[in-house]
C-alpha atoms as a PDB file:
ATOM      1  CA  MET A   1       0.000   0.000   0.000  1.00  0.00           C
ATOM      2  CA  SER A   2       1.429   3.369  -1.041  1.00  0.00           C
ATOM      3  CA  ASN A   3       1.879   6.088   1.536  1.00  0.00           C
ATOM      4  CA  ILE A   4       2.454   8.754  -1.129  1.00  0.00           C
ATOM      5  CA  LEU A   5       0.097  11.700  -0.685  1.00  0.00           C
ATOM      6  CA  VAL A   6      -1.212  14.167  -3.246  1.00  0.00           C
ATOM      7  CA  HIS A   7       0.711  17.426  -3.012  1.00  0.00           C
ATOM      8  CA  PRO A   8      -1.462  20.468  -2.180  1.00  0.00           C
ATOM      9  CA  LEU A   9      -0.041  22.231  -5.258  1.00  0.00           C
ATOM     10  CA  SER A  10      -0.382  19.225  -7.540  1.00  0.00           C
ATOM     11  CA  ASP A  11      -2.483  21.175 -10.059  1.00  0.00           C
ATOM     12  CA  ASN A  12       0.239  23.816 -10.350  1.00  0.00           C
ATOM     13  CA  PRO A  13       3.530  21.994 -10.952  1.00  0.00           C
ATOM     14  CA  THR A  14       5.439  25.255 -11.431  1.00  0.00           C
ATOM     15  CA  ALA A  15       4.463  26.472  -7.972  1.00  0.00           C
ATOM     16  CA  ALA A  16       4.905  22.989  -6.511  1.00  0.00           C
ATOM     17  CA  TRP A  17       8.471  22.774  -7.811  1.00  0.00           C
ATOM     18  CA  LYS A  18       9.350  26.156  -6.314  1.00  0.00           C
ATOM     19  CA  GLU A  19       8.454  24.694  -2.951  1.00  0.00           C
ATOM     20  CA  ILE A  20       9.854  21.189  -3.502  1.00  0.00           C
ATOM     21  CA  CYS A  21      13.204  22.314  -4.944  1.00  0.00           C
ATOM     22  CA  LYS A  22      14.188  23.899  -1.631  1.00  0.00           C
ATOM     23  CA  THR A  23      14.936  20.412  -0.320  1.00  0.00           C
ATOM     24  CA  GLN A  24      16.092  18.868  -3.616  1.00  0.00           C
ATOM     25  CA  LYS A  25      19.473  18.266  -5.175  1.00  0.00           C
ATOM     26  CA  LEU A  26      19.583  18.806  -8.928  1.00  0.00           C
ATOM     27  CA  PHE A  27      22.560  18.159 -11.169  1.00  0.00           C
ATOM     28  CA  LYS A  28      22.714  18.556 -14.918  1.00  0.00           C
ATOM     29  CA  VAL A  29      24.609  15.689 -16.517  1.00  0.00           C
ATOM     30  CA  ASN A  30      26.528  16.175 -19.745  1.00  0.00           C
ATOM     31  CA  VAL A  31      26.426  13.030 -21.838  1.00  0.00           C
ATOM     32  CA  LYS A  32      28.097  11.984 -25.055  1.00  0.00           C
ATOM     33  CA  LEU A  33      27.707   8.938 -27.224  1.00  0.00           C
ATOM     34  CA  PRO A  34      30.204   6.329 -25.957  1.00  0.00           C
ATOM     35  CA  ALA A  35      33.266   5.757 -28.115  1.00  0.00           C
ATOM     36  CA  LYS A  36      33.783   2.169 -26.951  1.00  0.00           C
ATOM     37  CA  PRO A  37      31.496  -0.866 -26.592  1.00  0.00           C
ATOM     38  CA  PRO A  38      30.346  -1.786 -23.075  1.00  0.00           C
ATOM     39  CA  ASN A  39      32.334  -4.115 -20.869  1.00  0.00           C
ATOM     40  CA  ASP A  40      31.304  -7.771 -20.659  1.00  0.00           C
ATOM     41  CA  ASN A  41      29.680  -7.115 -17.298  1.00  0.00           C
ATOM     42  CA  GLN A  42      27.545  -4.219 -18.588  1.00  0.00           C
ATOM     43  CA  ILE A  43      24.305  -3.929 -20.555  1.00  0.00           C
ATOM     44  CA  ARG A  44      24.093  -1.005 -22.971  1.00  0.00           C
ATOM     45  CA  PHE A  45      20.765   0.823 -23.145  1.00  0.00           C
ATOM     46  CA  VAL A  46      19.944   3.155 -26.058  1.00  0.00           C
ATOM     47  CA  CYS A  47      17.078   5.555 -25.359  1.00  0.00           C
ATOM     48  CA  MET A  48      14.842   7.563 -27.686  1.00  0.00           C
ATOM     49  CA  SER A  49      11.384   9.103 -27.458  1.00  0.00           C
ATOM     50  CA  ASP A  50       8.991  11.348 -29.374  1.00  0.00           C
ATOM     51  CA  THR A  51       9.990  10.428 -32.904  1.00  0.00           C
ATOM     52  CA  HIS A  52       6.465  11.231 -34.191  1.00  0.00           C
ATOM     53  CA  SER A  53       6.670   9.164 -37.399  1.00  0.00           C
ATOM     54  CA  LEU A  54       9.742  11.139 -38.449  1.00  0.00           C
ATOM     55  CA  VAL A  55      12.353   8.388 -38.190  1.00  0.00           C
ATOM     56  CA  HIS A  56      12.964   8.671 -41.948  1.00  0.00           C
ATOM     57  CA  ASN A  57      14.289  12.198 -41.296  1.00  0.00           C
ATOM     58  CA  ILE A  58      16.897  11.104 -38.744  1.00  0.00           C
ATOM     59  CA  LYS A  59      20.346  12.010 -40.089  1.00  0.00           C
ATOM     60  CA  TYR A  60      22.491   9.895 -37.751  1.00  0.00           C
ATOM     61  CA  ASP A  61      23.028   6.191 -37.150  1.00  0.00           C
ATOM     62  CA  ILE A  62      21.262   4.746 -34.129  1.00  0.00           C
ATOM     63  CA  PRO A  63      23.970   3.545 -31.698  1.00  0.00           C
ATOM     64  CA  ASP A  64      24.178  -0.204 -31.211  1.00  0.00           C
ATOM     65  CA  GLY A  65      23.490  -1.709 -27.819  1.00  0.00           C
ATOM     66  CA  ASP A  66      21.811  -4.557 -25.977  1.00  0.00           C
ATOM     67  CA  VAL A  67      18.472  -2.887 -25.211  1.00  0.00           C
ATOM     68  CA  PHE A  68      16.667  -0.187 -27.192  1.00  0.00           C
ATOM     69  CA  ILE A  69      14.030   1.859 -25.336  1.00  0.00           C
ATOM     70  CA  HIS A  70      11.416   4.155 -26.897  1.00  0.00           C
ATOM     71  CA  ALA A  71       9.474   6.211 -24.335  1.00  0.00           C
ATOM     72  CA  GLY A  72       6.373   6.965 -26.402  1.00  0.00           C
ATOM     73  CA  ASP A  73       4.988   9.262 -29.108  1.00  0.00           C
ATOM     74  CA  PHE A  74       6.383   7.115 -31.913  1.00  0.00           C
ATOM     75  CA  SER A  75       3.441   8.178 -34.113  1.00  0.00           C
ATOM     76  CA  ARG A  76       1.480  11.286 -35.006  1.00  0.00           C
ATOM     77  CA  CYS A  77      -1.894  10.015 -33.832  1.00  0.00           C
ATOM     78  CA  GLY A  78      -1.700   6.219 -33.712  1.00  0.00           C
ATOM     79  CA  HIS A  79      -2.890   5.649 -37.287  1.00  0.00           C
ATOM     80  CA  ILE A  80      -2.390   2.043 -38.365  1.00  0.00           C
ATOM     81  CA  ASP A  81      -0.024   3.066 -41.174  1.00  0.00           C
ATOM     82  CA  GLU A  82       2.136   4.970 -38.671  1.00  0.00           C
ATOM     83  CA  VAL A  83       2.265   1.984 -36.348  1.00  0.00           C
ATOM     84  CA  LYS A  84       3.246  -0.327 -39.201  1.00  0.00           C
ATOM     85  CA  GLU A  85       5.924   2.106 -40.361  1.00  0.00           C
ATOM     86  CA  PHE A  86       7.381   2.375 -36.861  1.00  0.00           C
ATOM     87  CA  ASN A  87       7.324  -1.398 -36.410  1.00  0.00           C
ATOM     88  CA  LYS A  88       9.173  -1.855 -39.689  1.00  0.00           C
ATOM     89  CA  TRP A  89      11.794   0.727 -38.693  1.00  0.00           C
ATOM     90  CA  ILE A  90      12.396  -0.658 -35.218  1.00  0.00           C
ATOM     91  CA  GLY A  91      12.749  -4.097 -36.787  1.00  0.00           C
ATOM     92  CA  THR A  92      15.814  -2.867 -38.676  1.00  0.00           C
ATOM     93  CA  LEU A  93      17.643  -1.901 -35.468  1.00  0.00           C
ATOM     94  CA  PRO A  94      20.355  -4.322 -34.324  1.00  0.00           C
ATOM     95  CA  HIS A  95      19.503  -4.364 -30.617  1.00  0.00           C
ATOM     96  CA  LYS A  96      18.642  -7.764 -29.183  1.00  0.00           C
ATOM     97  CA  HIS A  97      15.813  -6.348 -27.058  1.00  0.00           C
ATOM     98  CA  LYS A  98      13.509  -3.452 -27.977  1.00  0.00           C
ATOM     99  CA  ILE A  99      11.067  -1.962 -25.474  1.00  0.00           C
ATOM    100  CA  VAL A 100       8.316   0.515 -26.398  1.00  0.00           C
ATOM    101  CA  ILE A 101       5.614   2.359 -24.477  1.00  0.00           C
ATOM    102  CA  SER A 102       2.858   4.627 -25.749  1.00  0.00           C
ATOM    103  CA  GLY A 103       2.628   8.372 -25.350  1.00  0.00           C
ATOM    104  CA  ASN A 104      -0.216  10.832 -25.685  1.00  0.00           C
ATOM    105  CA  HIS A 105      -0.005  10.696 -29.493  1.00  0.00           C
ATOM    106  CA  GLU A 106      -0.814   6.973 -29.619  1.00  0.00           C
ATOM    107  CA  LEU A 107      -4.545   7.699 -29.521  1.00  0.00           C
ATOM    108  CA  SER A 108      -5.552   4.296 -30.886  1.00  0.00           C
ATOM    109  CA  PHE A 109      -3.744   2.534 -28.024  1.00  0.00           C
ATOM    110  CA  ASP A 110      -5.823   4.189 -25.287  1.00  0.00           C
ATOM    111  CA  PRO A 111      -9.216   2.515 -24.683  1.00  0.00           C
ATOM    112  CA  LYS A 112     -10.357   5.481 -22.606  1.00  0.00           C
ATOM    113  CA  PHE A 113      -9.691   7.924 -25.455  1.00  0.00           C
ATOM    114  CA  ILE A 114     -11.410   5.595 -27.927  1.00  0.00           C
ATOM    115  CA  ASP A 115     -14.556   5.390 -25.787  1.00  0.00           C
ATOM    116  CA  VAL A 116     -14.745   9.174 -25.405  1.00  0.00           C
ATOM    117  CA  PHE A 117     -14.093   9.680 -29.109  1.00  0.00           C
ATOM    118  CA  LYS A 118     -16.809   7.273 -30.184  1.00  0.00           C
ATOM    119  CA  LYS A 119     -19.359   8.922 -27.897  1.00  0.00           C
ATOM    120  CA  LYS A 120     -18.535  12.390 -29.246  1.00  0.00           C
ATOM    121  CA  PHE A 121     -18.041  11.636 -32.918  1.00  0.00           C
ATOM    122  CA  GLU A 122     -20.424   8.873 -33.873  1.00  0.00           C
ATOM    123  CA  PRO A 123     -23.237  10.114 -36.155  1.00  0.00           C
ATOM    124  CA  SER A 124     -25.810   9.333 -33.444  1.00  0.00           C
ATOM    125  CA  SER A 125     -24.181  11.753 -31.013  1.00  0.00           C
ATOM    126  CA  ARG A 126     -26.156  14.892 -30.316  1.00  0.00           C
ATOM    127  CA  HIS A 127     -22.971  16.727 -29.385  1.00  0.00           C
ATOM    128  CA  ARG A 128     -20.892  15.904 -32.438  1.00  0.00           C
ATOM    129  CA  GLU A 129     -17.676  17.914 -32.623  1.00  0.00           C
ATOM    130  CA  ILE A 130     -14.698  18.164 -34.944  1.00  0.00           C
ATOM    131  CA  PHE A 131     -11.429  16.839 -33.527  1.00  0.00           C
ATOM    132  CA  HIS A 132      -8.110  17.998 -34.922  1.00  0.00           C
ATOM    133  CA  CYS A 133      -4.836  16.284 -34.138  1.00  0.00           C
ATOM    134  CA  PRO A 134      -2.739  19.327 -33.086  1.00  0.00           C
ATOM    135  CA  SER A 135       0.444  20.229 -34.959  1.00  0.00           C
ATOM    136  CA  TYR A 136      -0.203  17.776 -37.764  1.00  0.00           C
ATOM    137  CA  GLY A 137      -3.466  18.837 -39.375  1.00  0.00           C
ATOM    138  CA  LYS A 138      -4.979  15.423 -38.753  1.00  0.00           C
ATOM    139  CA  GLY A 139      -8.725  15.682 -38.900  1.00  0.00           C
ATOM    140  CA  GLU A 140     -11.755  13.651 -37.914  1.00  0.00           C
ATOM    141  CA  ASP A 141     -11.404  10.985 -40.609  1.00  0.00           C
ATOM    142  CA  ASP A 142      -7.797  10.221 -39.640  1.00  0.00           C
ATOM    143  CA  ILE A 143      -8.691   9.887 -35.983  1.00  0.00           C
ATOM    144  CA  LYS A 144     -11.733   7.759 -36.782  1.00  0.00           C
ATOM    145  CA  GLU A 145      -9.635   5.262 -38.699  1.00  0.00           C
ATOM    146  CA  ALA A 146      -7.038   5.225 -35.942  1.00  0.00           C
ATOM    147  CA  VAL A 147      -9.432   4.541 -33.075  1.00  0.00           C
ATOM    148  CA  HIS A 148     -11.482   1.965 -34.997  1.00  0.00           C
ATOM    149  CA  THR A 149      -8.461  -0.252 -35.638  1.00  0.00           C
ATOM    150  CA  GLU A 150      -8.880  -3.370 -33.528  1.00  0.00           C
ATOM    151  CA  ASN A 151      -5.928  -4.964 -31.745  1.00  0.00           C
ATOM    152  CA  ILE A 152      -3.591  -2.132 -32.771  1.00  0.00           C
ATOM    153  CA  ARG A 153      -0.923  -3.445 -30.390  1.00  0.00           C
ATOM    154  CA  HIS A 154      -0.641  -6.608 -32.465  1.00  0.00           C
ATOM    155  CA  TYR A 155       1.079  -4.614 -35.200  1.00  0.00           C
ATOM    156  CA  LEU A 156       4.075  -4.029 -32.920  1.00  0.00           C
ATOM    157  CA  THR A 157       5.705  -7.357 -33.708  1.00  0.00           C
ATOM    158  CA  ASN A 158       9.345  -6.243 -33.584  1.00  0.00           C
ATOM    159  CA  CYS A 159       9.451  -5.038 -29.969  1.00  0.00           C
ATOM    160  CA  THR A 160       8.080  -5.643 -26.501  1.00  0.00           C
ATOM    161  CA  TYR A 161       5.238  -3.237 -25.761  1.00  0.00           C
ATOM    162  CA  LEU A 162       4.755  -2.305 -22.105  1.00  0.00           C
ATOM    163  CA  GLU A 163       1.626  -0.682 -20.706  1.00  0.00           C
ATOM    164  CA  ASP A 164       1.511  -0.654 -16.913  1.00  0.00           C
ATOM    165  CA  ALA A 165       3.683  -3.728 -17.089  1.00  0.00           C
ATOM    166  CA  GLY A 166       7.248  -4.847 -16.546  1.00  0.00           C
ATOM    167  CA  LEU A 167       9.810  -7.367 -17.625  1.00  0.00           C
ATOM    168  CA  GLU A 168      13.227  -8.540 -16.493  1.00  0.00           C
ATOM    169  CA  LEU A 169      16.289  -8.615 -18.751  1.00  0.00           C
ATOM    170  CA  TYR A 170      19.693  -9.821 -17.551  1.00  0.00           C
ATOM    171  CA  GLY A 171      18.386  -9.582 -13.988  1.00  0.00           C
ATOM    172  CA  ILE A 172      17.451  -5.907 -14.525  1.00  0.00           C
ATOM    173  CA  LYS A 173      13.811  -5.087 -13.712  1.00  0.00           C
ATOM    174  CA  ILE A 174      12.161  -2.672 -16.166  1.00  0.00           C
ATOM    175  CA  TYR A 175       8.671  -1.154 -15.973  1.00  0.00           C
ATOM    176  CA  GLY A 176       6.791   0.949 -18.513  1.00  0.00           C
ATOM    177  CA  THR A 177       3.677   3.132 -18.226  1.00  0.00           C
ATOM    178  CA  PRO A 178       2.227   5.628 -20.752  1.00  0.00           C
ATOM    179  CA  TRP A 179       0.119   7.972 -18.622  1.00  0.00           C
ATOM    180  CA  GLN A 180       0.577  11.695 -18.114  1.00  0.00           C
ATOM    181  CA  PRO A 181      -1.274  14.651 -16.594  1.00  0.00           C
ATOM    182  CA  SER A 182      -4.015  16.003 -18.881  1.00  0.00           C
ATOM    183  CA  PHE A 183      -2.541  17.579 -21.987  1.00  0.00           C
ATOM    184  CA  GLY A 184      -5.180  18.743 -24.484  1.00  0.00           C
ATOM    185  CA  ASN A 185      -7.336  16.259 -26.394  1.00  0.00           C
ATOM    186  CA  TRP A 186      -4.819  13.438 -26.303  1.00  0.00           C
ATOM    187  CA  GLY A 187      -4.486   9.837 -25.269  1.00  0.00           C
ATOM    188  CA  PHE A 188      -3.464   8.408 -21.896  1.00  0.00           C
ATOM    189  CA  ASN A 189      -4.465  11.627 -20.118  1.00  0.00           C
ATOM    190  CA  LEU A 190      -5.315  11.685 -16.429  1.00  0.00           C
ATOM    191  CA  GLU A 191      -6.233  14.417 -14.017  1.00  0.00           C
ATOM    192  CA  ARG A 192      -3.353  15.624 -11.876  1.00  0.00           C
ATOM    193  CA  GLY A 193      -3.257  14.401  -8.319  1.00  0.00           C
ATOM    194  CA  SER A 194      -5.022  11.243  -7.183  1.00  0.00           C
ATOM    195  CA  GLU A 195      -5.892   9.969 -10.675  1.00  0.00           C
ATOM    196  CA  CYS A 196      -2.251  10.016 -11.774  1.00  0.00           C
ATOM    197  CA  LEU A 197      -1.127   8.639  -8.429  1.00  0.00           C
ATOM    198  CA  GLN A 198      -3.337   5.574  -8.869  1.00  0.00           C
ATOM    199  CA  LYS A 199      -1.238   4.629 -11.916  1.00  0.00           C
ATOM    200  CA  TRP A 200       2.073   5.392 -10.191  1.00  0.00           C
ATOM    201  CA  ASN A 201       0.998   3.150  -7.298  1.00  0.00           C
ATOM    202  CA  LEU A 202       1.159   0.220  -9.734  1.00  0.00           C
ATOM    203  CA  ILE A 203       4.907   0.643 -10.259  1.00  0.00           C
ATOM    204  CA  PRO A 204       6.780  -2.079  -8.334  1.00  0.00           C
ATOM    205  CA  GLU A 205       9.217  -0.966  -5.676  1.00  0.00           C
ATOM    206  CA  ASN A 206      12.012  -3.167  -7.009  1.00  0.00           C
ATOM    207  CA  THR A 207      12.074  -1.472 -10.426  1.00  0.00           C
ATOM    208  CA  ASP A 208      15.607  -0.742 -11.652  1.00  0.00           C
ATOM    209  CA  ILE A 209      14.707   1.176 -14.818  1.00  0.00           C
ATOM    210  CA  LEU A 210      11.418   3.071 -15.034  1.00  0.00           C
ATOM    211  CA  ILE A 211       9.989   4.212 -18.368  1.00  0.00           C
ATOM    212  CA  THR A 212       7.174   6.764 -18.371  1.00  0.00           C
ATOM    213  CA  HIS A 213       6.049   9.125 -21.087  1.00  0.00           C
ATOM    214  CA  THR A 214       5.665  12.095 -18.792  1.00  0.00           C
ATOM    215  CA  PRO A 215       8.592  13.567 -16.870  1.00  0.00           C
ATOM    216  CA  PRO A 216       8.399  14.059 -13.132  1.00  0.00           C
ATOM    217  CA  VAL A 217       8.239  17.667 -12.026  1.00  0.00           C
ATOM    218  CA  GLY A 218      11.639  19.355 -11.929  1.00  0.00           C
ATOM    219  CA  HIS A 219      13.462  17.069 -14.364  1.00  0.00           C
ATOM    220  CA  GLY A 220      13.270  17.640 -18.108  1.00  0.00           C
ATOM    221  CA  ASP A 221       9.798  19.187 -17.802  1.00  0.00           C
ATOM    222  CA  LEU A 222      10.415  22.910 -18.346  1.00  0.00           C
ATOM    223  CA  VAL A 223       8.527  24.121 -21.424  1.00  0.00           C
ATOM    224  CA  CYS A 224       9.478  27.119 -23.564  1.00  0.00           C
ATOM    225  CA  SER A 225       6.956  29.362 -21.814  1.00  0.00           C
ATOM    226  CA  GLY A 226       8.816  28.878 -18.541  1.00  0.00           C
ATOM    227  CA  ILE A 227       6.263  26.686 -16.776  1.00  0.00           C
ATOM    228  CA  ARG A 228       6.684  23.141 -15.490  1.00  0.00           C
ATOM    229  CA  ALA A 229       4.677  20.332 -17.069  1.00  0.00           C
ATOM    230  CA  GLY A 230       5.901  17.326 -15.055  1.00  0.00           C
ATOM    231  CA  CYS A 231       3.910  15.322 -12.549  1.00  0.00           C
ATOM    232  CA  VAL A 232       4.407  16.144  -8.875  1.00  0.00           C
ATOM    233  CA  GLU A 233       3.204  12.760  -7.592  1.00  0.00           C
ATOM    234  CA  LEU A 234       5.459  10.946 -10.058  1.00  0.00           C
ATOM    235  CA  LEU A 235       8.520  12.661  -8.593  1.00  0.00           C
ATOM    236  CA  THR A 236       7.445  11.761  -5.065  1.00  0.00           C
ATOM    237  CA  THR A 237       6.727   8.170  -6.076  1.00  0.00           C
ATOM    238  CA  VAL A 238      10.067   7.799  -7.816  1.00  0.00           C
ATOM    239  CA  GLN A 239      12.127   9.347  -5.036  1.00  0.00           C
ATOM    240  CA  GLU A 240      10.349   8.010  -1.962  1.00  0.00           C
ATOM    241  CA  ARG A 241       8.962   4.608  -2.933  1.00  0.00           C
ATOM    242  CA  VAL A 242      10.212   3.109  -6.215  1.00  0.00           C
ATOM    243  CA  LYS A 243      13.778   4.487  -6.169  1.00  0.00           C
ATOM    244  CA  PRO A 244      14.902   3.242  -9.610  1.00  0.00           C
ATOM    245  CA  LYS A 245      18.463   3.700 -10.808  1.00  0.00           C
ATOM    246  CA  TYR A 246      17.235   5.301 -14.045  1.00  0.00           C
ATOM    247  CA  HIS A 247      14.000   7.072 -14.980  1.00  0.00           C
ATOM    248  CA  ILE A 248      13.488   7.458 -18.753  1.00  0.00           C
ATOM    249  CA  PHE A 249      10.786   9.619 -20.339  1.00  0.00           C
ATOM    250  CA  GLY A 250      10.084  12.171 -23.088  1.00  0.00           C
ATOM    251  CA  HIS A 251       6.933  14.213 -23.835  1.00  0.00           C
ATOM    252  CA  ILE A 252       8.483  17.671 -23.289  1.00  0.00           C
ATOM    253  CA  HIS A 253      10.721  18.098 -26.327  1.00  0.00           C
ATOM    254  CA  GLU A 254      12.584  21.129 -25.034  1.00  0.00           C
ATOM    255  CA  GLY A 255      13.399  19.217 -21.835  1.00  0.00           C
ATOM    256  CA  TYR A 256      15.783  16.855 -23.658  1.00  0.00           C
ATOM    257  CA  GLY A 257      18.817  15.900 -21.597  1.00  0.00           C
ATOM    258  CA  VAL A 258      19.968  14.189 -18.415  1.00  0.00           C
ATOM    259  CA  SER A 259      19.783  15.246 -14.782  1.00  0.00           C
ATOM    260  CA  SER A 260      20.186  13.659 -11.372  1.00  0.00           C
ATOM    261  CA  ASP A 261      19.153  14.165  -7.771  1.00  0.00           C
ATOM    262  CA  GLY A 262      22.310  12.389  -6.603  1.00  0.00           C
ATOM    263  CA  LYS A 263      20.620   8.997  -6.438  1.00  0.00           C
ATOM    264  CA  ILE A 264      18.478   8.642  -9.568  1.00  0.00           C
ATOM    265  CA  ILE A 265      19.413   9.461 -13.168  1.00  0.00           C
ATOM    266  CA  TYR A 266      16.592  11.170 -15.080  1.00  0.00           C
ATOM    267  CA  ILE A 267      16.674  10.951 -18.875  1.00  0.00           C
ATOM    268  CA  ASN A 268      14.465  13.015 -21.179  1.00  0.00           C
ATOM    269  CA  ALA A 269      15.163  11.169 -24.420  1.00  0.00           C
ATOM    270  CA  SER A 270      12.954  13.272 -26.747  1.00  0.00           C
ATOM    271  CA  THR A 271      14.292  12.833 -30.264  1.00  0.00           C
ATOM    272  CA  CYS A 272      12.279  15.678 -31.793  1.00  0.00           C
ATOM    273  CA  ASP A 273      13.111  19.192 -30.709  1.00  0.00           C
ATOM    274  CA  ILE A 274      10.558  21.920 -30.054  1.00  0.00           C
ATOM    275  CA  ASN A 275      10.124  22.395 -33.825  1.00  0.00           C
ATOM    276  CA  TYR A 276       9.353  18.698 -34.334  1.00  0.00           C
ATOM    277  CA  MET A 277      12.662  18.069 -36.027  1.00  0.00           C
ATOM    278  CA  PRO A 278      14.359  14.769 -35.034  1.00  0.00           C
ATOM    279  CA  ASN A 279      17.679  16.415 -34.201  1.00  0.00           C
ATOM    280  CA  ASN A 280      18.352  15.165 -30.668  1.00  0.00           C
ATOM    281  CA  LEU A 281      20.760  12.253 -30.355  1.00  0.00           C
ATOM    282  CA  PRO A 282      19.801   9.041 -28.556  1.00  0.00           C
ATOM    283  CA  ILE A 283      20.937   8.886 -24.945  1.00  0.00           C
ATOM    284  CA  VAL A 284      23.076   5.863 -24.113  1.00  0.00           C
ATOM    285  CA  PHE A 285      24.071   4.415 -20.750  1.00  0.00           C
ATOM    286  CA  ASP A 286      25.689   1.200 -19.523  1.00  0.00           C
ATOM    287  CA  TYR A 287      24.116  -0.710 -16.645  1.00  0.00           C
ATOM    288  CA  PRO A 288      26.099  -3.231 -14.571  1.00  0.00           C
ATOM    289  CA  ILE A 289      24.778  -6.773 -14.793  1.00  0.00           C
ATOM    290  CA  PRO A 290      23.531  -7.945 -11.384  1.00  0.00           C
ATOM    291  CA  GLU A 291      25.443 -10.734  -9.703  1.00  0.00           C
ATOM    292  CA  GLY A 292      24.377 -14.155 -10.898  1.00  0.00           C
ATOM    293  CA  PHE A 293      23.413 -12.995 -14.400  1.00  0.00           C
ATOM    294  CA  SER A 294      25.263 -12.576 -17.686  1.00  0.00           C
ATOM    295  CA  LYS A 295      24.679 -11.469 -21.269  1.00  0.00           C
ATOM    296  CA  ASN A 296      24.153 -15.098 -22.187  1.00  0.00           C
END
């Protein structure tokens, strides 16, 4: 049972961080792509996020490694063609293991979004509205086709898809969850506070590497307007209960980079920058293999 409480300023993460940061350590970490392969007793993780169906515009080679992680928003709106294209691309990567979660753009992956959409947009609805997929000009017909695709997850055949679920590789426990505080008319949205916390309560305490789409407040969540977009309860959950070694996320493109509180490494792996150009390099780290396990 979690003893994490909802912060009184949960609905205002900017104000909450001003209060929380007084007792926080925060270090910016400069990272470069490694020049050498990992040691035999290390697992190399390669992290990306927010590619938004723009992988064909990436101008660099994806670094090799043992595990590839994508922290969501691999599509524009979860259209079946976008999912197939992403699956084909990720299938070309050399990594032995590939882990993917959804983000708010994977509308067709979120049953809650689909239910709301169908109620609002079916011809029988008295309150029929026009939905536009922001930033991409996607209209009602595109969204309709996306949300009416059955078993959309089955098209991700070249990776392991995690949704409020975990797996263990080389003795390293990994957990992935797609939710984030409400962000426009998007998928996997929850109200700040207790609704988000219910999802964070599902994260096991023995998680070594946590993958979320949203950042926690204070780490990689500062948007260009100067406000914070991260989740307050996620930070508390990560620091006080789960205590992973690494927390990987995306969502806020301009928050790309690595930071630490002295105990946990926080990685905003957004590939697209604020202009939706896939210019940011993957973030790579090597994780020591726990005793009793090996690459074999």
